[in-house]
Amino acid sequence: MSNSLEQTLISSIRNIPDYPKPGVMFRDITTLLGDARAFRRAIDELVHPYAGSKIDKIAGIEARGFILGGAMAHQMSAGFVPIRKKGKLPHETVRIAYSLEYGLDEMEMHKDAVAPGEKVILVDDLIATGGTAEAAVKLLRQIGADIVAACFVIDLPDLGGRKKLEALGVDVRTLVAFDGH
């Protein structure tokens, strides 16, 4: 990735100190999404490595993964699969529990959203500890998806999420990294 692109993306991300709790620097991509040039460049950079590959579905993690994933799916002529918090999908689902900092949560997707063997890219705005993304990978694999990659705009490498996904054999692509939390 070019230094110019990295600077465009970094400068379009708003930093909010002490949110959602003291000591955390929240990386807000809503400003990137609102900047047409930065948004377009981010999507182009996320899909570029897979141009010419047969990708069947883009799976987006609620909520910002929906925005990125929808744009990626459109550009790649692929279907889109929402991975949502428990209780939000109307049809038969598969579900997985995962750990949060202070307890457990569950996510689910429609049981028929991905056919066995379909090639899927997982996407979300940020990878931190990797708990949510790891659960999404396991959920997709549970129904037979072939996960080509997991893509994120932001990596917080100090928190180890990327390594957690790579340990599962998932190729991880990120556009920018920030130190700390």
Protein backbone atom coordinates (compact mmCIF):
# COMPACT_ATOMS: atom_id res chain seq x y z
CA MET A 1 0.00 0.00 0.00
CA SER A 2 1.29 3.43 -0.87
CA ASN A 3 2.26 5.91 1.80
CA SER A 4 -0.20 8.38 0.22
CA LEU A 5 -3.09 5.93 0.63
CA GLU A 6 -2.13 5.15 4.21
CA GLN A 7 -2.01 8.88 5.03
CA THR A 8 -5.41 9.43 3.36
CA LEU A 9 -6.96 6.66 5.43
CA ILE A 10 -5.30 7.60 8.74
CA SER A 11 -6.24 11.26 8.36
CA SER A 12 -9.88 10.30 7.67
CA ILE A 13 -10.25 8.24 10.88
CA ARG A 14 -11.43 10.16 13.95
CA ASN A 15 -9.70 9.36 17.26
CA ILE A 16 -11.87 9.61 20.36
CA PRO A 17 -9.97 9.35 23.67
CA ASP A 18 -11.45 7.54 26.67
CA TYR A 19 -14.30 5.91 24.75
CA PRO A 20 -16.01 3.62 25.64
CA LYS A 21 -13.97 3.70 28.85
CA PRO A 22 -10.98 5.59 30.25
CA GLY A 23 -7.65 4.69 28.67
CA VAL A 24 -9.15 3.51 25.35
CA MET A 25 -8.53 5.43 22.13
CA PHE A 26 -11.57 4.70 19.95
CA ARG A 27 -10.84 4.61 16.20
CA ASP A 28 -14.01 5.89 14.54
CA ILE A 29 -14.34 5.06 10.83
CA THR A 30 -17.63 6.94 10.39
CA THR A 31 -15.54 9.93 9.25
CA LEU A 32 -13.77 7.71 6.69
CA LEU A 33 -17.17 6.46 5.48
CA GLY A 34 -18.36 10.05 5.07
CA ASP A 35 -15.33 11.01 2.97
CA ALA A 36 -16.16 9.75 -0.54
CA ARG A 37 -12.51 9.65 -1.66
CA ALA A 38 -11.23 7.84 1.44
CA PHE A 39 -14.15 5.39 1.43
CA ARG A 40 -13.63 4.56 -2.25
CA ARG A 41 -9.88 4.12 -1.77
CA ALA A 42 -10.40 1.85 1.25
CA ILE A 43 -12.85 -0.39 -0.62
CA ASP A 44 -10.60 -0.49 -3.70
CA GLU A 45 -7.64 -1.50 -1.53
CA LEU A 46 -9.64 -4.19 0.30
CA VAL A 47 -10.84 -5.85 -2.92
CA HIS A 48 -7.71 -5.37 -5.07
CA PRO A 49 -5.81 -8.51 -3.92
CA TYR A 50 -8.81 -10.67 -4.86
CA ALA A 51 -9.51 -9.18 -8.30
CA GLY A 52 -9.92 -12.01 -10.76
CA SER A 53 -10.57 -14.53 -7.99
CA LYS A 54 -13.92 -16.25 -7.75
CA ILE A 55 -15.36 -14.97 -4.48
CA ASP A 56 -18.90 -16.16 -3.81
CA LYS A 57 -19.78 -14.17 -0.69
CA ILE A 58 -18.62 -11.33 1.49
CA ALA A 59 -19.55 -11.88 5.14
CA GLY A 60 -19.80 -8.68 7.18
CA ILE A 61 -19.80 -8.49 10.96
CA GLU A 62 -22.45 -6.20 12.47
CA ALA A 63 -22.51 -3.22 12.14
CA ARG A 64 -19.69 -1.45 10.27
CA GLY A 65 -18.78 -4.70 8.53
CA PHE A 66 -22.16 -4.41 6.80
CA ILE A 67 -21.20 -1.09 5.23
CA LEU A 68 -17.77 -2.24 4.09
CA GLY A 69 -19.00 -5.68 3.10
CA GLY A 70 -21.90 -4.36 1.04
CA ALA A 71 -19.57 -2.12 -0.94
CA MET A 72 -17.05 -4.94 -1.40
CA ALA A 73 -19.75 -7.41 -2.49
CA HIS A 74 -21.05 -4.94 -5.06
CA GLN A 75 -17.59 -4.29 -6.47
CA MET A 76 -16.75 -8.02 -6.61
CA SER A 77 -20.13 -9.18 -7.95
CA ALA A 78 -20.50 -11.38 -4.88
CA GLY A 79 -23.35 -12.01 -2.49
CA PHE A 80 -23.43 -10.46 0.99
CA VAL A 81 -23.92 -12.35 4.26
CA PRO A 82 -24.76 -10.48 7.48
CA ILE A 83 -23.32 -11.90 10.69
CA ARG A 84 -25.48 -10.46 13.45
CA LYS A 85 -26.00 -10.38 17.17
CA LYS A 86 -28.31 -13.10 18.47
CA GLY A 87 -32.01 -12.61 17.81
CA LYS A 88 -31.80 -10.22 14.85
CA LEU A 89 -32.28 -12.62 11.93
CA PRO A 90 -35.77 -13.86 10.96
CA HIS A 91 -35.01 -17.30 9.46
CA GLU A 92 -33.31 -20.47 10.72
CA THR A 93 -29.83 -19.64 12.02
CA VAL A 94 -26.59 -21.15 13.20
CA ARG A 95 -25.12 -19.54 16.31
CA ILE A 96 -21.85 -19.35 18.20
CA ALA A 97 -20.98 -17.98 21.64
CA TYR A 98 -17.82 -15.95 22.10
CA SER A 99 -16.00 -14.15 24.89
CA LEU A 100 -16.14 -10.44 25.45
CA GLU A 101 -14.07 -8.47 27.90
CA TYR A 102 -16.78 -8.80 30.56
CA GLY A 103 -18.71 -11.94 29.68
CA LEU A 104 -20.17 -13.82 26.74
CA ASP A 105 -22.18 -12.86 23.70
CA GLU A 106 -23.56 -14.76 20.72
CA MET A 107 -23.64 -14.10 16.99
CA GLU A 108 -25.55 -15.85 14.28
CA MET A 109 -26.16 -16.06 10.58
CA HIS A 110 -28.79 -17.71 8.43
CA LYS A 111 -28.14 -21.43 8.10
CA ASP A 112 -28.52 -21.25 4.31
CA ALA A 113 -26.46 -18.06 3.77
CA VAL A 114 -23.39 -19.92 2.53
CA ALA A 115 -23.29 -23.23 0.67
CA PRO A 116 -20.55 -25.71 1.58
CA GLY A 117 -17.37 -24.91 -0.35
CA GLU A 118 -18.31 -21.35 -1.26
CA LYS A 119 -15.39 -18.93 -1.14
CA VAL A 120 -15.96 -16.21 1.46
CA ILE A 121 -14.15 -13.06 2.58
CA LEU A 122 -14.92 -11.91 6.11
CA VAL A 123 -14.88 -8.15 6.73
CA ASP A 124 -15.16 -5.73 9.64
CA ASP A 125 -13.88 -2.25 10.36
CA LEU A 126 -11.30 -3.15 13.00
CA ILE A 127 -9.39 -6.12 14.43
CA ALA A 128 -8.41 -5.75 18.09
CA THR A 129 -8.39 -8.84 20.34
CA GLY A 130 -9.90 -10.92 17.54
CA GLY A 131 -12.64 -12.52 19.63
CA THR A 132 -15.50 -11.47 17.39
CA ALA A 133 -13.64 -12.24 14.16
CA GLU A 134 -12.50 -15.63 15.49
CA ALA A 135 -16.10 -16.51 16.34
CA ALA A 136 -17.24 -15.39 12.86
CA VAL A 137 -14.57 -17.60 11.24
CA LYS A 138 -15.71 -20.60 13.30
CA LEU A 139 -19.36 -19.88 12.48
CA LEU A 140 -18.64 -19.69 8.75
CA ARG A 141 -16.58 -22.88 8.86
CA GLN A 142 -19.37 -24.62 10.79
CA ILE A 143 -21.55 -24.41 7.67
CA GLY A 144 -18.75 -25.30 5.26
CA ALA A 145 -17.48 -21.93 4.00
CA ASP A 146 -14.01 -21.75 2.47
CA ILE A 147 -12.62 -18.58 4.07
CA VAL A 148 -10.29 -16.89 1.59
CA ALA A 149 -9.36 -13.98 3.89
CA ALA A 150 -10.44 -11.69 6.68
CA CYS A 151 -10.19 -7.97 5.86
CA PHE A 152 -10.18 -4.97 8.16
CA VAL A 153 -9.54 -1.28 7.67
CA ILE A 154 -7.78 -0.97 11.05
CA ASP A 155 -5.45 -3.30 12.95
CA LEU A 156 -4.56 -2.79 16.62
CA PRO A 157 -1.60 -5.21 16.60
CA ASP A 158 -0.79 -4.75 20.30
CA LEU A 159 -4.04 -6.61 21.10
CA GLY A 160 -3.14 -9.74 19.10
CA GLY A 161 -6.27 -10.32 17.03
CA ARG A 162 -4.47 -10.70 13.72
CA LYS A 163 -2.22 -13.43 15.16
CA LYS A 164 -5.28 -15.23 16.54
CA LEU A 165 -6.85 -15.41 13.06
CA GLU A 166 -3.58 -16.37 11.39
CA ALA A 167 -3.26 -19.22 13.90
CA LEU A 168 -6.59 -20.48 12.51
CA GLY A 169 -5.06 -20.48 9.02
CA VAL A 170 -6.86 -17.32 7.87
CA ASP A 171 -5.09 -14.82 5.61
CA VAL A 172 -5.55 -11.39 7.22
CA ARG A 173 -5.52 -8.11 5.30
CA THR A 174 -5.53 -4.73 7.04
CA LEU A 175 -5.06 -1.23 5.64
CA VAL A 176 -3.70 0.77 8.59
CA ALA A 177 -2.40 0.00 12.07
CA PHE A 178 -2.45 1.98 15.28
CA ASP A 179 -0.41 1.30 18.41
CA GLY A 180 -2.19 0.75 21.72
CA HIS A 181 -5.81 0.01 22.45
